[in-house]
Amino acid sequence: MPRRNWIRDELIVAFNLYCKIPFGRIHNRNPEIIELAEALGRSPSALSWKLANFARLDPALRKRNIAGAGHGSQADAEIWAEFNSDWEKLAFESERAMVKIIGRAPDSIEEERDLPPGTTREVIVRARMNQAFFRAAVLAAYDSRCCITGLSLPELLTASHIVPWSVDVKNRTNPRNGLCLNALHDRAFDCGLLTVTPQLKVRVSHRVKEKASDIATRNFLRRFEDVTVSRPRRFAPDAEFLRYHNEKVFLRG
């Protein structure tokens, strides 16, 4: 059988899946890889190799001397660059392509099936799909563990935006604009009571330190001052995004 080239829709759904699968689970026995491979009419080995090709382009993996496949196509590099130029657009496009190829809608769409057609429904569905993509990608990058505490209960984990959702549209779904945090530290991070520096150190606001007599505040927040957060397996947080949070969100006084 002649070799079949990968078309764009196949590449963007493959990259979508690459973002959502922890690096150590990229292999041809993974049920998610098997399901998508069957829908694409390709072998699980071919799809897992394609995901490994994307891994070779990941700066976080190269920095840690973790190699993906030995070589890949120019098309792989182009898809990587396209996602990184506009994560908001490509996350939604790849989610929609995934629905079309696999033949079933994600929960983010099913929850809105009773909404009337029109602009409002489209906006809600797009936001839900992109939020689901972002959460899956960030949790996969951190192996579903809070990067500050190590907590690993998925029900208590959040994909926290470093630069807020409303500020940077193109990077709303960029995994490098996310940290995996537990619900408490997510809330503290969101309202500026703590931050993470470009050197990946936790800084706690003086507003927290003023509550020195509060045992819970000491145990859950203040004691993490200067702790180094866990590095993700891929999609390391962008230093510029962290700098923005340090300067614009973090409460210094």
C-alpha atoms as a PDB file:
ATOM      1  CA  MET A   1       0.000   0.000   0.000  1.00  0.00           C
ATOM      2  CA  PRO A   2       1.487   3.391  -0.977  1.00  0.00           C
ATOM      3  CA  ARG A   3       2.371   5.757   1.810  1.00  0.00           C
ATOM      4  CA  ARG A   4      -0.385   8.314   2.454  1.00  0.00           C
ATOM      5  CA  ASN A   5       0.639  11.872   3.272  1.00  0.00           C
ATOM      6  CA  TRP A   6      -0.813  13.546   6.336  1.00  0.00           C
ATOM      7  CA  ILE A   7      -3.335  16.249   5.486  1.00  0.00           C
ATOM      8  CA  ARG A   8      -3.776  19.377   7.590  1.00  0.00           C
ATOM      9  CA  ASP A   9      -6.888  18.251   9.515  1.00  0.00           C
ATOM     10  CA  GLU A  10      -5.107  15.037  10.481  1.00  0.00           C
ATOM     11  CA  LEU A  11      -2.064  16.962  11.662  1.00  0.00           C
ATOM     12  CA  ILE A  12      -4.002  19.432  13.789  1.00  0.00           C
ATOM     13  CA  VAL A  13      -5.978  16.662  15.552  1.00  0.00           C
ATOM     14  CA  ALA A  14      -2.735  14.737  16.083  1.00  0.00           C
ATOM     15  CA  PHE A  15      -1.176  17.823  17.662  1.00  0.00           C
ATOM     16  CA  ASN A  16      -4.329  18.335  19.720  1.00  0.00           C
ATOM     17  CA  LEU A  17      -3.914  14.837  21.104  1.00  0.00           C
ATOM     18  CA  TYR A  18      -0.187  15.389  21.658  1.00  0.00           C
ATOM     19  CA  CYS A  19      -1.077  18.318  23.915  1.00  0.00           C
ATOM     20  CA  LYS A  20      -3.486  16.236  26.000  1.00  0.00           C
ATOM     21  CA  ILE A  21      -1.494  13.036  26.569  1.00  0.00           C
ATOM     22  CA  PRO A  22       1.247  12.945  29.225  1.00  0.00           C
ATOM     23  CA  PHE A  23       4.601  12.390  27.518  1.00  0.00           C
ATOM     24  CA  GLY A  24       5.154   8.976  29.086  1.00  0.00           C
ATOM     25  CA  ARG A  25       1.893   7.684  27.614  1.00  0.00           C
ATOM     26  CA  ILE A  26       2.683   8.338  23.956  1.00  0.00           C
ATOM     27  CA  HIS A  27       2.724   4.753  22.706  1.00  0.00           C
ATOM     28  CA  ASN A  28       0.665   2.552  20.413  1.00  0.00           C
ATOM     29  CA  ARG A  29      -1.179   0.807  23.277  1.00  0.00           C
ATOM     30  CA  ASN A  30      -2.754   4.023  24.576  1.00  0.00           C
ATOM     31  CA  PRO A  31      -6.559   3.765  24.076  1.00  0.00           C
ATOM     32  CA  GLU A  32      -6.794   7.435  23.050  1.00  0.00           C
ATOM     33  CA  ILE A  33      -4.167   6.911  20.368  1.00  0.00           C
ATOM     34  CA  ILE A  34      -5.868   3.722  19.198  1.00  0.00           C
ATOM     35  CA  GLU A  35      -9.265   5.456  18.942  1.00  0.00           C
ATOM     36  CA  LEU A  36      -7.973   8.409  16.920  1.00  0.00           C
ATOM     37  CA  ALA A  37      -5.778   6.198  14.728  1.00  0.00           C
ATOM     38  CA  GLU A  38      -8.787   4.060  13.786  1.00  0.00           C
ATOM     39  CA  ALA A  39     -10.820   7.176  12.971  1.00  0.00           C
ATOM     40  CA  LEU A  40      -7.982   8.451  10.768  1.00  0.00           C
ATOM     41  CA  GLY A  41      -7.537   5.094   9.041  1.00  0.00           C
ATOM     42  CA  ARG A  42      -3.989   4.829  10.297  1.00  0.00           C
ATOM     43  CA  SER A  43      -2.174   2.444  12.589  1.00  0.00           C
ATOM     44  CA  PRO A  44      -1.638   3.289  16.279  1.00  0.00           C
ATOM     45  CA  SER A  45       2.098   2.994  15.606  1.00  0.00           C
ATOM     46  CA  ALA A  46       1.925   5.604  12.845  1.00  0.00           C
ATOM     47  CA  LEU A  47      -0.028   8.018  15.042  1.00  0.00           C
ATOM     48  CA  SER A  48       2.195   7.534  18.093  1.00  0.00           C
ATOM     49  CA  TRP A  49       5.232   8.158  15.859  1.00  0.00           C
ATOM     50  CA  LYS A  50       3.633  11.370  14.619  1.00  0.00           C
ATOM     51  CA  LEU A  51       3.131  12.497  18.226  1.00  0.00           C
ATOM     52  CA  ALA A  52       6.783  11.682  18.899  1.00  0.00           C
ATOM     53  CA  ASN A  53       7.688  13.865  15.911  1.00  0.00           C
ATOM     54  CA  PHE A  54       5.907  16.756  17.609  1.00  0.00           C
ATOM     55  CA  ALA A  55       7.789  15.996  20.821  1.00  0.00           C
ATOM     56  CA  ARG A  56      11.126  16.600  19.102  1.00  0.00           C
ATOM     57  CA  LEU A  57       9.995  20.190  18.471  1.00  0.00           C
ATOM     58  CA  ASP A  58       9.073  20.863  22.108  1.00  0.00           C
ATOM     59  CA  PRO A  59      11.636  23.280  23.651  1.00  0.00           C
ATOM     60  CA  ALA A  60      10.879  22.038  27.184  1.00  0.00           C
ATOM     61  CA  LEU A  61      11.820  18.485  26.217  1.00  0.00           C
ATOM     62  CA  ARG A  62      14.932  19.546  24.315  1.00  0.00           C
ATOM     63  CA  LYS A  63      16.085  21.596  27.308  1.00  0.00           C
ATOM     64  CA  ARG A  64      15.851  18.485  29.480  1.00  0.00           C
ATOM     65  CA  ASN A  65      17.588  16.343  26.817  1.00  0.00           C
ATOM     66  CA  ILE A  66      14.434  14.274  26.324  1.00  0.00           C
ATOM     67  CA  ALA A  67      14.226  13.486  22.646  1.00  0.00           C
ATOM     68  CA  GLY A  68      11.185  12.658  20.598  1.00  0.00           C
ATOM     69  CA  ALA A  69      11.453  11.008  17.212  1.00  0.00           C
ATOM     70  CA  GLY A  70      14.754  11.436  15.435  1.00  0.00           C
ATOM     71  CA  HIS A  71      13.296  13.368  12.527  1.00  0.00           C
ATOM     72  CA  GLY A  72      10.005  14.631  11.199  1.00  0.00           C
ATOM     73  CA  SER A  73       8.456  16.457   8.292  1.00  0.00           C
ATOM     74  CA  GLN A  74       8.363  20.147   7.500  1.00  0.00           C
ATOM     75  CA  ALA A  75       4.586  19.900   7.883  1.00  0.00           C
ATOM     76  CA  ASP A  76       5.014  18.935  11.559  1.00  0.00           C
ATOM     77  CA  ALA A  77       7.100  22.055  12.184  1.00  0.00           C
ATOM     78  CA  GLU A  78       4.551  24.201  10.349  1.00  0.00           C
ATOM     79  CA  ILE A  79       1.682  22.900  12.503  1.00  0.00           C
ATOM     80  CA  TRP A  80       3.754  23.497  15.663  1.00  0.00           C
ATOM     81  CA  ALA A  81       4.416  27.078  14.511  1.00  0.00           C
ATOM     82  CA  GLU A  82       0.782  27.631  13.544  1.00  0.00           C
ATOM     83  CA  PHE A  83      -0.470  26.618  16.989  1.00  0.00           C
ATOM     84  CA  ASN A  84       2.142  28.761  18.686  1.00  0.00           C
ATOM     85  CA  SER A  85       1.189  31.808  16.629  1.00  0.00           C
ATOM     86  CA  ASP A  86      -2.492  31.680  17.671  1.00  0.00           C
ATOM     87  CA  TRP A  87      -3.443  29.061  20.266  1.00  0.00           C
ATOM     88  CA  GLU A  88      -6.981  30.404  20.607  1.00  0.00           C
ATOM     89  CA  LYS A  89      -7.761  29.856  16.921  1.00  0.00           C
ATOM     90  CA  LEU A  90      -5.991  26.531  16.488  1.00  0.00           C
ATOM     91  CA  ALA A  91      -7.279  24.970  19.706  1.00  0.00           C
ATOM     92  CA  PHE A  92     -10.860  25.568  18.587  1.00  0.00           C
ATOM     93  CA  GLU A  93     -10.180  24.497  15.008  1.00  0.00           C
ATOM     94  CA  SER A  94      -8.514  21.271  16.136  1.00  0.00           C
ATOM     95  CA  GLU A  95     -11.297  20.513  18.633  1.00  0.00           C
ATOM     96  CA  ARG A  96     -13.871  20.925  15.867  1.00  0.00           C
ATOM     97  CA  ALA A  97     -11.811  18.733  13.529  1.00  0.00           C
ATOM     98  CA  MET A  98     -11.578  16.098  16.266  1.00  0.00           C
ATOM     99  CA  VAL A  99     -15.389  16.078  16.578  1.00  0.00           C
ATOM    100  CA  LYS A 100     -15.716  15.633  12.818  1.00  0.00           C
ATOM    101  CA  ILE A 101     -13.122  12.851  12.560  1.00  0.00           C
ATOM    102  CA  ILE A 102     -14.067  10.818  15.642  1.00  0.00           C
ATOM    103  CA  GLY A 103     -17.770  11.380  15.105  1.00  0.00           C
ATOM    104  CA  ARG A 104     -18.847  12.374  18.588  1.00  0.00           C
ATOM    105  CA  ALA A 105     -19.106  15.695  20.348  1.00  0.00           C
ATOM    106  CA  PRO A 106     -17.214  16.425  23.586  1.00  0.00           C
ATOM    107  CA  ASP A 107     -19.106  17.218  26.778  1.00  0.00           C
ATOM    108  CA  SER A 108     -18.418  20.920  26.195  1.00  0.00           C
ATOM    109  CA  ILE A 109     -20.786  20.836  23.217  1.00  0.00           C
ATOM    110  CA  GLU A 110     -23.311  18.396  24.621  1.00  0.00           C
ATOM    111  CA  GLU A 111     -23.910  20.646  27.621  1.00  0.00           C
ATOM    112  CA  GLU A 112     -25.038  23.425  25.262  1.00  0.00           C
ATOM    113  CA  ARG A 113     -27.268  21.366  22.977  1.00  0.00           C
ATOM    114  CA  ASP A 114     -30.426  23.034  24.321  1.00  0.00           C
ATOM    115  CA  LEU A 115     -29.213  26.568  23.596  1.00  0.00           C
ATOM    116  CA  PRO A 116     -30.885  28.298  20.643  1.00  0.00           C
ATOM    117  CA  PRO A 117     -28.735  28.721  17.522  1.00  0.00           C
ATOM    118  CA  GLY A 118     -26.994  32.016  16.990  1.00  0.00           C
ATOM    119  CA  THR A 119     -23.999  34.066  18.051  1.00  0.00           C
ATOM    120  CA  THR A 120     -24.477  33.512  21.797  1.00  0.00           C
ATOM    121  CA  ARG A 121     -24.422  29.727  21.459  1.00  0.00           C
ATOM    122  CA  GLU A 122     -21.374  29.834  19.177  1.00  0.00           C
ATOM    123  CA  VAL A 123     -19.466  32.023  21.626  1.00  0.00           C
ATOM    124  CA  ILE A 124     -20.333  29.765  24.579  1.00  0.00           C
ATOM    125  CA  VAL A 125     -19.437  26.569  22.727  1.00  0.00           C
ATOM    126  CA  ARG A 126     -16.126  28.038  21.538  1.00  0.00           C
ATOM    127  CA  ALA A 127     -15.232  29.172  25.055  1.00  0.00           C
ATOM    128  CA  ARG A 128     -16.173  25.813  26.603  1.00  0.00           C
ATOM    129  CA  MET A 129     -14.209  23.837  24.009  1.00  0.00           C
ATOM    130  CA  ASN A 130     -11.144  26.025  24.394  1.00  0.00           C
ATOM    131  CA  GLN A 131     -11.306  25.911  28.182  1.00  0.00           C
ATOM    132  CA  ALA A 132     -11.532  22.104  28.049  1.00  0.00           C
ATOM    133  CA  PHE A 133      -8.526  21.957  25.698  1.00  0.00           C
ATOM    134  CA  PHE A 134      -6.497  24.268  27.950  1.00  0.00           C
ATOM    135  CA  ARG A 135      -7.295  22.269  31.081  1.00  0.00           C
ATOM    136  CA  ALA A 136      -6.411  18.960  29.429  1.00  0.00           C
ATOM    137  CA  ALA A 137      -3.143  20.297  28.014  1.00  0.00           C
ATOM    138  CA  VAL A 138      -1.964  21.925  31.244  1.00  0.00           C
ATOM    139  CA  LEU A 139      -2.853  18.961  33.466  1.00  0.00           C
ATOM    140  CA  ALA A 140      -1.128  16.584  31.034  1.00  0.00           C
ATOM    141  CA  ALA A 141       2.020  18.749  31.053  1.00  0.00           C
ATOM    142  CA  TYR A 142       2.195  18.545  34.863  1.00  0.00           C
ATOM    143  CA  ASP A 143       1.162  14.879  35.071  1.00  0.00           C
ATOM    144  CA  SER A 144      -1.981  16.009  36.930  1.00  0.00           C
ATOM    145  CA  ARG A 145      -0.100  17.295  39.971  1.00  0.00           C
ATOM    146  CA  CYS A 146      -0.251  20.727  41.552  1.00  0.00           C
ATOM    147  CA  CYS A 147       3.093  22.349  40.767  1.00  0.00           C
ATOM    148  CA  ILE A 148       3.295  23.927  44.243  1.00  0.00           C
ATOM    149  CA  THR A 149       2.036  21.198  46.590  1.00  0.00           C
ATOM    150  CA  GLY A 150       2.171  18.018  44.507  1.00  0.00           C
ATOM    151  CA  LEU A 151      -1.522  17.288  45.166  1.00  0.00           C
ATOM    152  CA  SER A 152      -2.780  14.824  42.548  1.00  0.00           C
ATOM    153  CA  LEU A 153      -6.561  14.649  42.971  1.00  0.00           C
ATOM    154  CA  PRO A 154      -7.927  15.740  39.559  1.00  0.00           C
ATOM    155  CA  GLU A 155     -11.159  16.978  41.146  1.00  0.00           C
ATOM    156  CA  LEU A 156      -9.147  19.584  43.072  1.00  0.00           C
ATOM    157  CA  LEU A 157      -6.839  20.645  40.246  1.00  0.00           C
ATOM    158  CA  THR A 158      -7.190  23.686  38.013  1.00  0.00           C
ATOM    159  CA  ALA A 159      -5.408  24.881  34.899  1.00  0.00           C
ATOM    160  CA  SER A 160      -4.592  28.406  36.069  1.00  0.00           C
ATOM    161  CA  HIS A 161      -4.015  31.177  33.544  1.00  0.00           C
ATOM    162  CA  ILE A 162      -0.845  33.155  34.169  1.00  0.00           C
ATOM    163  CA  VAL A 163      -1.907  36.074  31.979  1.00  0.00           C
ATOM    164  CA  PRO A 164      -5.654  36.314  32.612  1.00  0.00           C
ATOM    165  CA  TRP A 165      -8.137  34.929  30.058  1.00  0.00           C
ATOM    166  CA  SER A 166      -9.491  38.425  29.301  1.00  0.00           C
ATOM    167  CA  VAL A 167      -6.094  40.030  28.660  1.00  0.00           C
ATOM    168  CA  ASP A 168      -4.418  37.966  25.903  1.00  0.00           C
ATOM    169  CA  VAL A 169      -6.854  36.372  23.450  1.00  0.00           C
ATOM    170  CA  LYS A 170      -4.289  34.544  21.294  1.00  0.00           C
ATOM    171  CA  ASN A 171      -2.717  32.876  24.333  1.00  0.00           C
ATOM    172  CA  ARG A 172      -5.899  31.930  26.180  1.00  0.00           C
ATOM    173  CA  THR A 173      -5.352  28.272  25.322  1.00  0.00           C
ATOM    174  CA  ASN A 174      -1.539  28.317  25.179  1.00  0.00           C
ATOM    175  CA  PRO A 175      -0.352  25.647  27.658  1.00  0.00           C
ATOM    176  CA  ARG A 176       2.697  27.822  28.354  1.00  0.00           C
ATOM    177  CA  ASN A 177       0.264  30.354  29.799  1.00  0.00           C
ATOM    178  CA  GLY A 178      -0.858  27.847  32.405  1.00  0.00           C
ATOM    179  CA  LEU A 179       0.108  26.338  35.733  1.00  0.00           C
ATOM    180  CA  CYS A 180      -1.459  23.274  37.299  1.00  0.00           C
ATOM    181  CA  LEU A 181      -2.618  24.386  40.751  1.00  0.00           C
ATOM    182  CA  ASN A 182      -4.967  23.074  43.399  1.00  0.00           C
ATOM    183  CA  ALA A 183      -8.200  25.014  43.896  1.00  0.00           C
ATOM    184  CA  LEU A 184      -6.944  27.048  46.876  1.00  0.00           C
ATOM    185  CA  HIS A 185      -3.657  28.112  45.305  1.00  0.00           C
ATOM    186  CA  ASP A 186      -5.404  28.755  41.997  1.00  0.00           C
ATOM    187  CA  ARG A 187      -7.661  31.257  43.749  1.00  0.00           C
ATOM    188  CA  ALA A 188      -4.718  32.843  45.577  1.00  0.00           C
ATOM    189  CA  PHE A 189      -2.773  33.076  42.301  1.00  0.00           C
ATOM    190  CA  ASP A 190      -5.757  34.519  40.450  1.00  0.00           C
ATOM    191  CA  CYS A 191      -6.305  37.328  42.960  1.00  0.00           C
ATOM    192  CA  GLY A 192      -2.600  38.106  43.388  1.00  0.00           C
ATOM    193  CA  LEU A 193      -1.979  36.715  46.863  1.00  0.00           C
ATOM    194  CA  LEU A 194       0.872  34.663  45.453  1.00  0.00           C
ATOM    195  CA  THR A 195       2.852  34.576  42.237  1.00  0.00           C
ATOM    196  CA  VAL A 196       5.509  32.475  40.517  1.00  0.00           C
ATOM    197  CA  THR A 197       8.630  34.256  39.304  1.00  0.00           C
ATOM    198  CA  PRO A 198      10.349  33.625  35.963  1.00  0.00           C
ATOM    199  CA  GLN A 199      12.842  31.599  38.041  1.00  0.00           C
ATOM    200  CA  LEU A 200       9.870  29.391  39.080  1.00  0.00           C
ATOM    201  CA  LYS A 201       9.957  30.517  42.725  1.00  0.00           C
ATOM    202  CA  VAL A 202       6.783  31.134  44.719  1.00  0.00           C
ATOM    203  CA  ARG A 203       6.369  34.616  46.158  1.00  0.00           C
ATOM    204  CA  VAL A 204       3.681  35.316  48.762  1.00  0.00           C
ATOM    205  CA  SER A 205       2.031  38.726  49.114  1.00  0.00           C
ATOM    206  CA  HIS A 206       2.522  40.865  52.227  1.00  0.00           C
ATOM    207  CA  ARG A 207      -1.237  40.683  52.662  1.00  0.00           C
ATOM    208  CA  VAL A 208      -0.790  36.993  53.426  1.00  0.00           C
ATOM    209  CA  LYS A 209       2.211  37.599  55.653  1.00  0.00           C
ATOM    210  CA  GLU A 210       0.193  40.067  57.722  1.00  0.00           C
ATOM    211  CA  LYS A 211      -1.970  37.121  58.822  1.00  0.00           C
ATOM    212  CA  ALA A 212       0.951  35.593  60.713  1.00  0.00           C
ATOM    213  CA  SER A 213      -1.236  34.560  63.637  1.00  0.00           C
ATOM    214  CA  ASP A 214      -3.584  32.604  61.386  1.00  0.00           C
ATOM    215  CA  ILE A 215      -2.372  28.986  61.501  1.00  0.00           C
ATOM    216  CA  ALA A 216      -4.285  28.008  58.363  1.00  0.00           C
ATOM    217  CA  THR A 217      -2.775  30.911  56.414  1.00  0.00           C
ATOM    218  CA  ARG A 218       0.706  29.880  57.548  1.00  0.00           C
ATOM    219  CA  ASN A 219       0.162  26.216  56.679  1.00  0.00           C
ATOM    220  CA  PHE A 220      -1.593  26.632  53.350  1.00  0.00           C
ATOM    221  CA  LEU A 221       0.034  29.757  51.923  1.00  0.00           C
ATOM    222  CA  ARG A 222       2.886  31.454  53.768  1.00  0.00           C
ATOM    223  CA  ARG A 223       5.032  28.339  54.171  1.00  0.00           C
ATOM    224  CA  PHE A 224       5.373  28.060  50.380  1.00  0.00           C
ATOM    225  CA  GLU A 225       7.330  31.323  50.152  1.00  0.00           C
ATOM    226  CA  ASP A 226      10.462  30.757  48.007  1.00  0.00           C
ATOM    227  CA  VAL A 227       9.486  27.162  47.140  1.00  0.00           C
ATOM    228  CA  THR A 228      10.498  26.125  43.618  1.00  0.00           C
ATOM    229  CA  VAL A 229       7.498  24.881  41.670  1.00  0.00           C
ATOM    230  CA  SER A 230       7.645  21.567  39.838  1.00  0.00           C
ATOM    231  CA  ARG A 231       8.623  21.866  36.199  1.00  0.00           C
ATOM    232  CA  PRO A 232       6.188  20.413  33.664  1.00  0.00           C
ATOM    233  CA  ARG A 233       7.230  17.592  31.371  1.00  0.00           C
ATOM    234  CA  ARG A 234       6.564  19.956  28.450  1.00  0.00           C
ATOM    235  CA  PHE A 235       5.136  23.416  27.734  1.00  0.00           C
ATOM    236  CA  ALA A 236       7.221  25.139  30.413  1.00  0.00           C
ATOM    237  CA  PRO A 237       5.597  28.390  31.582  1.00  0.00           C
ATOM    238  CA  ASP A 238       6.683  31.335  29.482  1.00  0.00           C
ATOM    239  CA  ALA A 239       8.920  33.729  31.441  1.00  0.00           C
ATOM    240  CA  GLU A 240       7.216  36.767  29.906  1.00  0.00           C
ATOM    241  CA  PHE A 241       3.813  35.533  31.048  1.00  0.00           C
ATOM    242  CA  LEU A 242       5.174  34.992  34.568  1.00  0.00           C
ATOM    243  CA  ARG A 243       6.732  38.444  34.524  1.00  0.00           C
ATOM    244  CA  TYR A 244       3.360  39.929  33.579  1.00  0.00           C
ATOM    245  CA  HIS A 245       1.724  38.191  36.547  1.00  0.00           C
ATOM    246  CA  ASN A 246       4.505  39.369  38.880  1.00  0.00           C
ATOM    247  CA  GLU A 247       4.099  42.987  37.761  1.00  0.00           C
ATOM    248  CA  LYS A 248       0.376  43.323  36.980  1.00  0.00           C
ATOM    249  CA  VAL A 249      -1.488  40.808  39.149  1.00  0.00           C
ATOM    250  CA  PHE A 250       0.640  40.121  42.237  1.00  0.00           C
ATOM    251  CA  LEU A 251      -0.246  42.253  45.262  1.00  0.00           C
ATOM    252  CA  ARG A 252       3.074  43.531  46.577  1.00  0.00           C
ATOM    253  CA  GLY A 253       1.754  45.850  49.262  1.00  0.00           C
END
